[in-house]
Amino acid sequence: MTTTARVLAAIAVILLATGAEALHAQGAASTAVPFLLISPGARASAMGETGVATADDASAIFWNPAGLGFQKGMELGLSHSNWLPQFQQSDLFFEYANFKMAMPEINGTIGAALTFLNLGEFERRDEANNLLGRFKSFEVAFTGSYGTQIDEDLALGVGLHVIHSSLSQLGTAQETGSGTATAVAADLGILYRPSKFLLPFTDEEIGDHFAIGLAFSNMGPSITYIDEQQSDPLPTTLRLGLAVDLVKEEYNRLTWSTDVTKLIIRREDKKADNFFTALTKNNYFNWNSYTLGTGIEYWYSDFVALRFGFFHEDPQWGNRRFLTFGAGVRYEIYGFDFSYISTDISNERSPLADTLRFTLSILWDRAKTPPDDGTRIPADDSKN
């Protein structure tokens, strides 16, 4: 193995250590560009990495674009994380920016996001250990999304990714290709959020207290670095989520959210199957191949939030197990959230241990009251 190959192998280790890529114990399936699976925002991360059914802010671009269909106004979010802090590499970091804007003229809300994972700088050396140069490795994706309401209770959403992976500008040994590749992928989501729903066999009305979401993310052709026979599948993901408002009062709101996630990928020998083959031939009843995330969020007066969650992945498919914690504050149009990952419940020390995420958001129109159309009833000051 040349030194260049060792460098690329080191990069691969970094990518695998993110825990964002699931690997079968026998190595039967793996994906390229696993950075697309990193939970980008602090809020969802603190809730056990869940967000398919909540999807009520700009992060819906990542979790479920159908969530955009229920949203109004504009929002800008900026997230940062020093990725894999156990490696103690200052140039290993993750950045995410998103923006959404309601557009009544097209009967929906549009969104855009930029995802960036910096893998650091590497030396390129020959077999005699002579320095041939240095290069930087990174991966980046741009996403455009659109969500619209089909009716009062149902929304659909779509998204499109342009992905660029730059692991190395040169191939290893006699290979003619390089460690760079570009690909496109699509998202599709649906979100059911009923305004009225009578609980079966009871007279209890639970409408406006729960939501169910389903999303397919990163659907597209395999990505090729060296040649077509060594192509890698994109991390196509199936997510199903449920969110329930356990408490929904004027000053107190408690929400429970749960997601189950599965990678829809297959590989025959070295070549990755296309998306449609993987979709139709996947074993959906292999329950060990699903991950589980669950969490709760408590809001006091839409001002302060506390969050807690749990994430579990089968040992044969990655063995990520951790607790998540976080909090958030909102003041007028500004918001700040952070999350923390604890892997103390795991038998092994994970590179994800002590990961912190920070998100700053600006929510335009948040502090504004609806315009007075002449029908509003004045407050009765005599009761004060």
Protein backbone atom coordinates (compact mmCIF):
# COMPACT_ATOMS: atom_id res chain seq x y z
CA MET A 1 0.00 0.00 0.00
CA THR A 2 1.42 3.41 -0.95
CA THR A 3 1.49 6.23 1.55
CA THR A 4 -1.22 7.96 -0.48
CA ALA A 5 -3.40 4.91 -0.03
CA ARG A 6 -2.75 5.04 3.70
CA VAL A 7 -3.89 8.65 3.74
CA LEU A 8 -7.12 7.74 1.98
CA ALA A 9 -7.58 4.89 4.41
CA ALA A 10 -7.17 7.33 7.30
CA ILE A 11 -9.86 9.54 5.79
CA ALA A 12 -12.13 6.53 5.50
CA VAL A 13 -11.58 5.77 9.19
CA ILE A 14 -12.62 9.31 10.05
CA LEU A 15 -15.79 8.96 8.01
CA LEU A 16 -16.65 5.62 9.53
CA ALA A 17 -15.99 6.92 13.02
CA THR A 18 -18.70 9.53 12.62
CA GLY A 19 -21.15 6.76 13.30
CA ALA A 20 -23.26 8.23 10.54
CA GLU A 21 -22.47 5.26 8.33
CA ALA A 22 -23.95 1.88 9.13
CA LEU A 23 -21.81 -1.17 8.40
CA HIS A 24 -22.92 -4.77 8.48
CA ALA A 25 -20.70 -6.96 10.62
CA GLN A 26 -19.54 -8.83 7.53
CA GLY A 27 -19.06 -5.64 5.56
CA ALA A 28 -21.93 -6.48 3.21
CA ALA A 29 -23.09 -2.91 2.79
CA SER A 30 -21.53 0.52 3.14
CA THR A 31 -22.15 3.98 1.79
CA ALA A 32 -20.24 6.93 0.44
CA VAL A 33 -20.69 10.52 1.69
CA PRO A 34 -22.05 9.49 5.12
CA PHE A 35 -21.85 13.14 6.19
CA LEU A 36 -25.33 13.44 4.66
CA LEU A 37 -26.62 11.45 7.64
CA ILE A 38 -25.22 13.72 10.35
CA SER A 39 -28.00 15.35 12.32
CA PRO A 40 -27.30 19.01 11.52
CA GLY A 41 -29.12 21.01 14.19
CA ALA A 42 -28.77 21.15 17.97
CA ARG A 43 -32.51 20.86 18.64
CA ALA A 44 -33.13 17.52 16.89
CA SER A 45 -29.79 16.18 18.10
CA ALA A 46 -30.76 16.85 21.72
CA MET A 47 -34.01 14.92 21.21
CA GLY A 48 -32.31 11.63 20.39
CA GLU A 49 -31.66 12.66 16.77
CA THR A 50 -35.35 12.79 15.85
CA GLY A 51 -37.17 15.21 13.58
CA VAL A 52 -39.26 13.46 10.89
CA ALA A 53 -42.60 14.16 12.59
CA THR A 54 -41.76 17.44 14.35
CA ALA A 55 -40.29 19.14 11.25
CA ASP A 56 -41.69 22.52 12.33
CA ASP A 57 -38.68 24.71 11.58
CA ALA A 58 -36.08 25.13 8.82
CA SER A 59 -34.42 21.83 9.79
CA ALA A 60 -37.33 20.15 7.99
CA ILE A 61 -35.12 20.51 4.91
CA PHE A 62 -32.99 17.71 6.38
CA TRP A 63 -35.57 15.60 8.26
CA ASN A 64 -38.71 15.81 6.16
CA PRO A 65 -39.31 18.49 3.49
CA ALA A 66 -43.07 17.98 3.86
CA GLY A 67 -42.79 19.87 7.15
CA LEU A 68 -42.13 23.03 5.14
CA GLY A 69 -45.70 22.85 3.85
CA PHE A 70 -47.12 23.76 7.28
CA GLN A 71 -44.68 26.60 7.92
CA LYS A 72 -45.02 30.35 7.47
CA GLY A 73 -42.63 33.29 7.60
CA MET A 74 -38.86 33.15 7.14
CA GLU A 75 -36.08 31.53 9.13
CA LEU A 76 -32.29 31.39 8.93
CA GLY A 77 -30.30 28.83 10.88
CA LEU A 78 -26.54 28.40 11.36
CA SER A 79 -25.12 25.30 13.07
CA HIS A 80 -21.58 24.36 14.07
CA SER A 81 -19.89 21.38 15.65
CA ASN A 82 -16.28 20.43 16.27
CA TRP A 83 -16.75 16.95 14.87
CA LEU A 84 -15.46 13.85 16.69
CA PRO A 85 -13.87 15.77 19.57
CA GLN A 86 -12.13 12.63 20.85
CA PHE A 87 -9.73 12.92 17.89
CA GLN A 88 -8.73 16.41 19.09
CA GLN A 89 -8.36 17.75 15.56
CA SER A 90 -9.16 21.45 15.27
CA ASP A 91 -9.62 21.23 11.50
CA LEU A 92 -12.25 18.47 11.73
CA PHE A 93 -15.56 20.31 11.92
CA PHE A 94 -19.12 20.28 10.62
CA GLU A 95 -21.10 23.31 9.41
CA TYR A 96 -24.73 23.59 8.37
CA ALA A 97 -26.75 26.59 7.18
CA ASN A 98 -30.41 26.56 6.20
CA PHE A 99 -33.06 29.04 5.14
CA LYS A 100 -36.79 28.76 4.54
CA MET A 101 -39.36 31.25 3.24
CA ALA A 102 -43.09 30.89 2.79
CA MET A 103 -44.27 31.79 -0.71
CA PRO A 104 -48.09 31.96 -0.92
CA GLU A 105 -47.85 32.67 -4.66
CA ILE A 106 -46.64 29.08 -5.21
CA ASN A 107 -48.80 27.65 -2.44
CA GLY A 108 -45.94 26.45 -0.27
CA THR A 109 -42.62 27.11 1.42
CA ILE A 110 -39.18 26.82 -0.14
CA GLY A 111 -35.96 25.96 1.64
CA ALA A 112 -32.24 25.86 0.95
CA ALA A 113 -29.38 24.35 2.93
CA LEU A 114 -25.60 24.06 2.75
CA THR A 115 -23.86 21.14 4.48
CA PHE A 116 -20.08 21.10 4.89
CA LEU A 117 -17.76 18.61 6.57
CA ASN A 118 -14.09 19.60 6.76
CA LEU A 119 -11.81 16.58 7.12
CA GLY A 120 -8.56 18.49 7.55
CA GLU A 121 -5.22 18.72 5.77
CA PHE A 122 -3.13 15.69 4.79
CA GLU A 123 0.38 15.09 3.49
CA ARG A 124 0.90 13.14 0.30
CA ARG A 125 4.06 11.03 0.31
CA ASP A 126 5.54 8.33 -1.90
CA GLU A 127 6.65 4.87 -0.85
CA ALA A 128 10.05 6.27 0.16
CA ASN A 129 8.27 8.70 2.49
CA ASN A 130 9.22 11.74 0.39
CA LEU A 131 6.82 14.62 0.75
CA LEU A 132 4.98 15.20 -2.52
CA GLY A 133 2.61 17.89 -1.32
CA ARG A 134 -0.37 18.62 0.88
CA PHE A 135 -4.08 18.57 0.21
CA LYS A 136 -7.30 19.32 2.05
CA SER A 137 -10.23 16.96 2.22
CA PHE A 138 -13.85 18.00 2.55
CA GLU A 139 -17.40 17.12 1.56
CA VAL A 140 -20.16 19.56 0.73
CA ALA A 141 -23.80 19.43 -0.38
CA PHE A 142 -26.30 22.05 -1.49
CA THR A 143 -29.99 21.30 -1.02
CA GLY A 144 -33.12 22.94 -2.39
CA SER A 145 -36.52 21.93 -0.98
CA TYR A 146 -40.21 22.67 -1.38
CA GLY A 147 -43.17 21.72 0.80
CA THR A 148 -46.89 22.30 0.28
CA GLN A 149 -50.15 21.41 2.02
CA ILE A 150 -52.38 19.00 0.12
CA ASP A 151 -55.22 19.74 2.54
CA GLU A 152 -55.60 21.05 6.07
CA ASP A 153 -53.97 17.98 7.63
CA LEU A 154 -51.55 16.64 5.02
CA ALA A 155 -48.38 18.02 3.41
CA LEU A 156 -45.92 16.75 0.82
CA GLY A 157 -42.34 17.82 0.25
CA VAL A 158 -39.46 17.25 -2.15
CA GLY A 159 -35.77 18.08 -2.09
CA LEU A 160 -32.79 17.97 -4.43
CA HIS A 161 -29.11 17.63 -3.41
CA VAL A 162 -25.97 18.43 -5.35
CA ILE A 163 -23.13 16.62 -3.56
CA HIS A 164 -19.38 17.00 -3.96
CA SER A 165 -16.85 14.81 -2.18
CA SER A 166 -13.17 15.73 -2.31
CA LEU A 167 -11.13 13.18 -0.38
CA SER A 168 -8.00 13.42 -2.53
CA GLN A 169 -7.22 15.13 -5.83
CA LEU A 170 -5.05 12.17 -6.96
CA GLY A 171 -5.60 8.44 -7.03
CA THR A 172 -3.43 5.84 -5.35
CA ALA A 173 -0.56 3.96 -7.03
CA GLN A 174 -1.40 3.35 -10.72
CA GLU A 175 -5.09 4.25 -10.49
CA THR A 176 -6.19 6.77 -13.11
CA GLY A 177 -9.10 8.13 -11.11
CA SER A 178 -9.04 10.37 -8.06
CA GLY A 179 -10.67 10.66 -4.69
CA THR A 180 -13.16 13.26 -5.89
CA ALA A 181 -16.73 12.72 -7.04
CA THR A 182 -19.96 14.59 -7.64
CA ALA A 183 -23.50 13.25 -7.41
CA VAL A 184 -27.14 14.28 -7.22
CA ALA A 185 -29.86 12.92 -4.95
CA ALA A 186 -33.49 13.58 -4.12
CA ASP A 187 -35.71 13.63 -1.01
CA LEU A 188 -39.41 12.86 -0.74
CA GLY A 189 -41.54 13.28 2.36
CA ILE A 190 -45.08 13.24 3.69
CA LEU A 191 -46.39 14.64 6.97
CA TYR A 192 -49.80 14.04 8.54
CA ARG A 193 -50.74 16.56 11.23
CA PRO A 194 -54.51 16.31 11.86
CA SER A 195 -56.36 19.29 13.26
CA LYS A 196 -59.19 16.99 14.41
CA PHE A 197 -58.88 13.33 15.34
CA LEU A 198 -61.15 11.27 17.55
CA LEU A 199 -59.28 8.53 19.40
CA PRO A 200 -60.78 5.17 18.33
CA PHE A 201 -63.20 3.54 20.80
CA THR A 202 -63.24 6.70 22.91
CA ASP A 203 -64.72 10.17 22.83
CA GLU A 204 -61.34 11.85 23.33
CA GLU A 205 -60.33 14.44 20.75
CA ILE A 206 -56.55 14.40 20.16
CA GLY A 207 -56.39 16.49 17.00
CA ASP A 208 -53.62 19.09 16.86
CA HIS A 209 -51.66 17.01 19.37
CA PHE A 210 -49.73 14.55 17.20
CA ALA A 211 -48.04 14.13 13.83
CA ILE A 212 -46.77 11.23 11.74
CA GLY A 213 -44.00 11.67 9.19
CA LEU A 214 -42.41 9.49 6.52
CA ALA A 215 -39.41 10.48 4.41
CA PHE A 216 -36.99 9.01 1.89
CA SER A 217 -33.70 10.92 1.80
CA ASN A 218 -30.68 10.88 -0.52
CA MET A 219 -32.26 8.85 -3.32
CA GLY A 220 -30.04 8.72 -6.36
CA PRO A 221 -27.51 6.85 -8.47
CA SER A 222 -24.34 5.49 -6.91
CA ILE A 223 -21.30 7.74 -6.65
CA THR A 224 -18.04 6.87 -8.47
CA TYR A 225 -14.53 7.87 -7.41
CA ILE A 226 -12.27 5.53 -9.41
CA ASP A 227 -14.46 3.60 -11.86
CA GLU A 228 -18.03 2.35 -12.23
CA GLN A 229 -17.14 -1.13 -11.01
CA GLN A 230 -16.09 0.33 -7.65
CA SER A 231 -19.03 2.68 -7.21
CA ASP A 232 -20.51 3.32 -3.77
CA PRO A 233 -24.19 3.78 -2.92
CA LEU A 234 -25.48 7.04 -1.56
CA PRO A 235 -26.81 6.85 2.01
CA THR A 236 -30.44 6.49 0.96
CA THR A 237 -32.50 6.55 4.13
CA LEU A 238 -36.03 5.63 5.13
CA ARG A 239 -37.32 7.49 8.18
CA LEU A 240 -40.63 7.03 9.98
CA GLY A 241 -41.48 9.28 12.89
CA LEU A 242 -44.17 10.07 15.46
CA ALA A 243 -44.45 13.22 17.55
CA VAL A 244 -47.00 13.67 20.34
CA ASP A 245 -47.77 16.76 22.43
CA LEU A 246 -48.21 15.22 25.88
CA VAL A 247 -48.88 18.64 27.37
CA LYS A 248 -50.07 21.61 25.35
CA GLU A 249 -50.98 24.58 27.49
CA GLU A 250 -50.50 28.32 27.20
CA TYR A 251 -47.23 28.37 29.14
CA ASN A 252 -46.18 24.73 29.14
CA ARG A 253 -45.64 22.30 26.26
CA LEU A 254 -44.15 18.82 26.46
CA THR A 255 -43.48 16.92 23.22
CA TRP A 256 -42.35 13.32 22.78
CA SER A 257 -40.75 12.37 19.46
CA THR A 258 -39.59 9.00 18.11
CA ASP A 259 -37.94 8.07 14.80
CA VAL A 260 -36.99 4.72 13.29
CA THR A 261 -34.45 4.83 10.48
CA LYS A 262 -33.12 2.35 7.94
CA LEU A 263 -30.46 2.61 5.24
CA ILE A 264 -31.78 1.45 1.85
CA ILE A 265 -28.56 0.16 0.28
CA ARG A 266 -27.31 -3.05 -1.35
CA ARG A 267 -24.01 -4.08 -2.86
CA GLU A 268 -23.09 -6.96 -5.12
CA ASP A 269 -19.36 -7.65 -4.97
CA LYS A 270 -17.69 -4.25 -5.36
CA LYS A 271 -20.43 -2.53 -7.32
CA ALA A 272 -23.34 -0.80 -5.62
CA ASP A 273 -26.88 -1.61 -6.69
CA ASN A 274 -28.95 1.28 -7.99
CA PHE A 275 -31.60 2.83 -5.80
CA PHE A 276 -34.57 1.00 -7.30
CA THR A 277 -32.89 -2.39 -6.92
CA ALA A 278 -31.96 -1.64 -3.34
CA LEU A 279 -35.48 -0.38 -2.65
CA THR A 280 -37.23 -3.49 -4.00
CA LYS A 281 -34.79 -6.13 -2.76
CA ASN A 282 -34.10 -4.78 0.71
CA ASN A 283 -35.01 -6.88 3.74
CA TYR A 284 -37.38 -4.54 5.57
CA PHE A 285 -38.15 -7.18 8.21
CA ASN A 286 -34.59 -7.30 9.49
CA TRP A 287 -35.40 -5.25 12.57
CA ASN A 288 -31.76 -5.15 13.65
CA SER A 289 -30.99 -2.95 10.64
CA TYR A 290 -33.16 -0.12 12.02
CA THR A 291 -31.95 2.58 14.39
CA LEU A 292 -34.18 4.04 17.08
CA GLY A 293 -34.15 7.60 18.33
CA THR A 294 -36.50 9.00 20.93
CA GLY A 295 -36.60 12.20 22.94
CA ILE A 296 -38.66 14.78 24.77
CA GLU A 297 -38.76 18.56 24.63
CA TYR A 298 -40.23 20.88 27.24
CA TRP A 299 -41.00 24.51 26.44
CA TYR A 300 -41.89 27.15 28.99
CA SER A 301 -43.80 30.02 27.41
CA ASP A 302 -41.98 29.62 24.06
CA PHE A 303 -38.99 31.14 25.81
CA VAL A 304 -36.86 28.35 27.35
CA ALA A 305 -36.61 24.73 26.24
CA LEU A 306 -35.07 21.65 27.88
CA ARG A 307 -34.43 18.46 25.88
CA PHE A 308 -33.40 14.88 26.51
CA GLY A 309 -33.07 11.84 24.24
CA PHE A 310 -31.76 8.34 23.60
CA PHE A 311 -30.31 6.79 20.44
CA HIS A 312 -29.77 3.08 19.78
CA GLU A 313 -28.19 1.16 16.90
CA ASP A 314 -27.67 -2.60 16.74
CA PRO A 315 -24.03 -3.71 17.31
CA GLN A 316 -23.96 -5.41 13.89
CA TRP A 317 -24.89 -2.17 12.14
CA GLY A 318 -22.68 0.41 13.83
CA ASN A 319 -23.25 0.01 17.59
CA ARG A 320 -24.00 3.64 18.34
CA ARG A 321 -25.70 4.02 21.75
CA PHE A 322 -25.82 7.35 23.50
CA LEU A 323 -27.85 9.81 25.52
CA THR A 324 -28.48 13.34 24.32
CA PHE A 325 -29.09 16.52 26.27
CA GLY A 326 -29.77 20.08 25.26
CA ALA A 327 -31.51 23.38 25.82
CA GLY A 328 -32.71 26.38 23.88
CA VAL A 329 -33.82 29.97 24.35
CA ARG A 330 -35.91 32.30 22.21
CA TYR A 331 -35.95 36.08 22.50
CA GLU A 332 -38.03 38.06 20.03
CA ILE A 333 -36.83 36.85 16.60
CA TYR A 334 -33.61 35.20 17.84
CA GLY A 335 -32.99 31.66 19.01
CA PHE A 336 -30.03 29.72 20.37
CA ASP A 337 -29.82 25.96 20.91
CA PHE A 338 -27.11 23.56 21.98
CA SER A 339 -26.87 19.80 22.39
CA TYR A 340 -24.49 17.34 24.00
CA ILE A 341 -23.86 13.62 23.36
CA SER A 342 -22.95 11.30 26.22
CA THR A 343 -21.77 7.77 25.39
CA ASP A 344 -21.39 6.64 29.00
CA ILE A 345 -24.11 4.01 28.50
CA SER A 346 -22.04 2.32 25.78
CA ASN A 347 -19.54 -0.43 26.49
CA GLU A 348 -17.02 1.22 24.19
CA ARG A 349 -15.63 4.73 24.11
CA SER A 350 -17.02 6.39 21.00
CA PRO A 351 -15.44 9.18 18.92
CA LEU A 352 -18.86 10.85 19.22
CA ALA A 353 -18.47 11.21 23.00
CA ASP A 354 -18.80 14.79 24.28
CA THR A 355 -19.91 16.10 20.87
CA LEU A 356 -21.43 19.58 21.16
CA ARG A 357 -23.63 21.23 18.55
CA PHE A 358 -24.63 24.89 18.49
CA THR A 359 -27.39 26.46 16.43
CA LEU A 360 -28.20 30.16 16.03
CA SER A 361 -31.50 30.99 14.36
CA ILE A 362 -33.38 34.09 13.25
CA LEU A 363 -37.14 33.74 12.87
CA TRP A 364 -38.62 36.70 11.05
CA ASP A 365 -42.26 37.58 11.81
CA ARG A 366 -42.05 35.58 15.03
CA ALA A 367 -42.62 38.62 17.25
CA LYS A 368 -45.32 40.17 15.08
CA THR A 369 -49.01 39.84 15.87
CA PRO A 370 -51.54 39.23 13.09
CA PRO A 371 -52.76 42.39 11.38
CA ASP A 372 -56.05 43.78 12.62
CA ASP A 373 -58.64 43.19 9.91
CA GLY A 374 -61.36 45.00 11.84
CA THR A 375 -62.94 41.88 13.31
CA ARG A 376 -60.72 41.50 16.37
CA ILE A 377 -62.55 41.89 19.70
CA PRO A 378 -60.81 44.43 22.01
CA ALA A 379 -59.58 43.16 25.35
CA ASP A 380 -61.87 43.74 28.31
CA ASP A 381 -59.64 45.88 30.54
CA SER A 382 -62.23 45.86 33.30
CA LYS A 383 -61.14 42.29 34.14
CA ASN A 384 -57.55 43.35 34.73
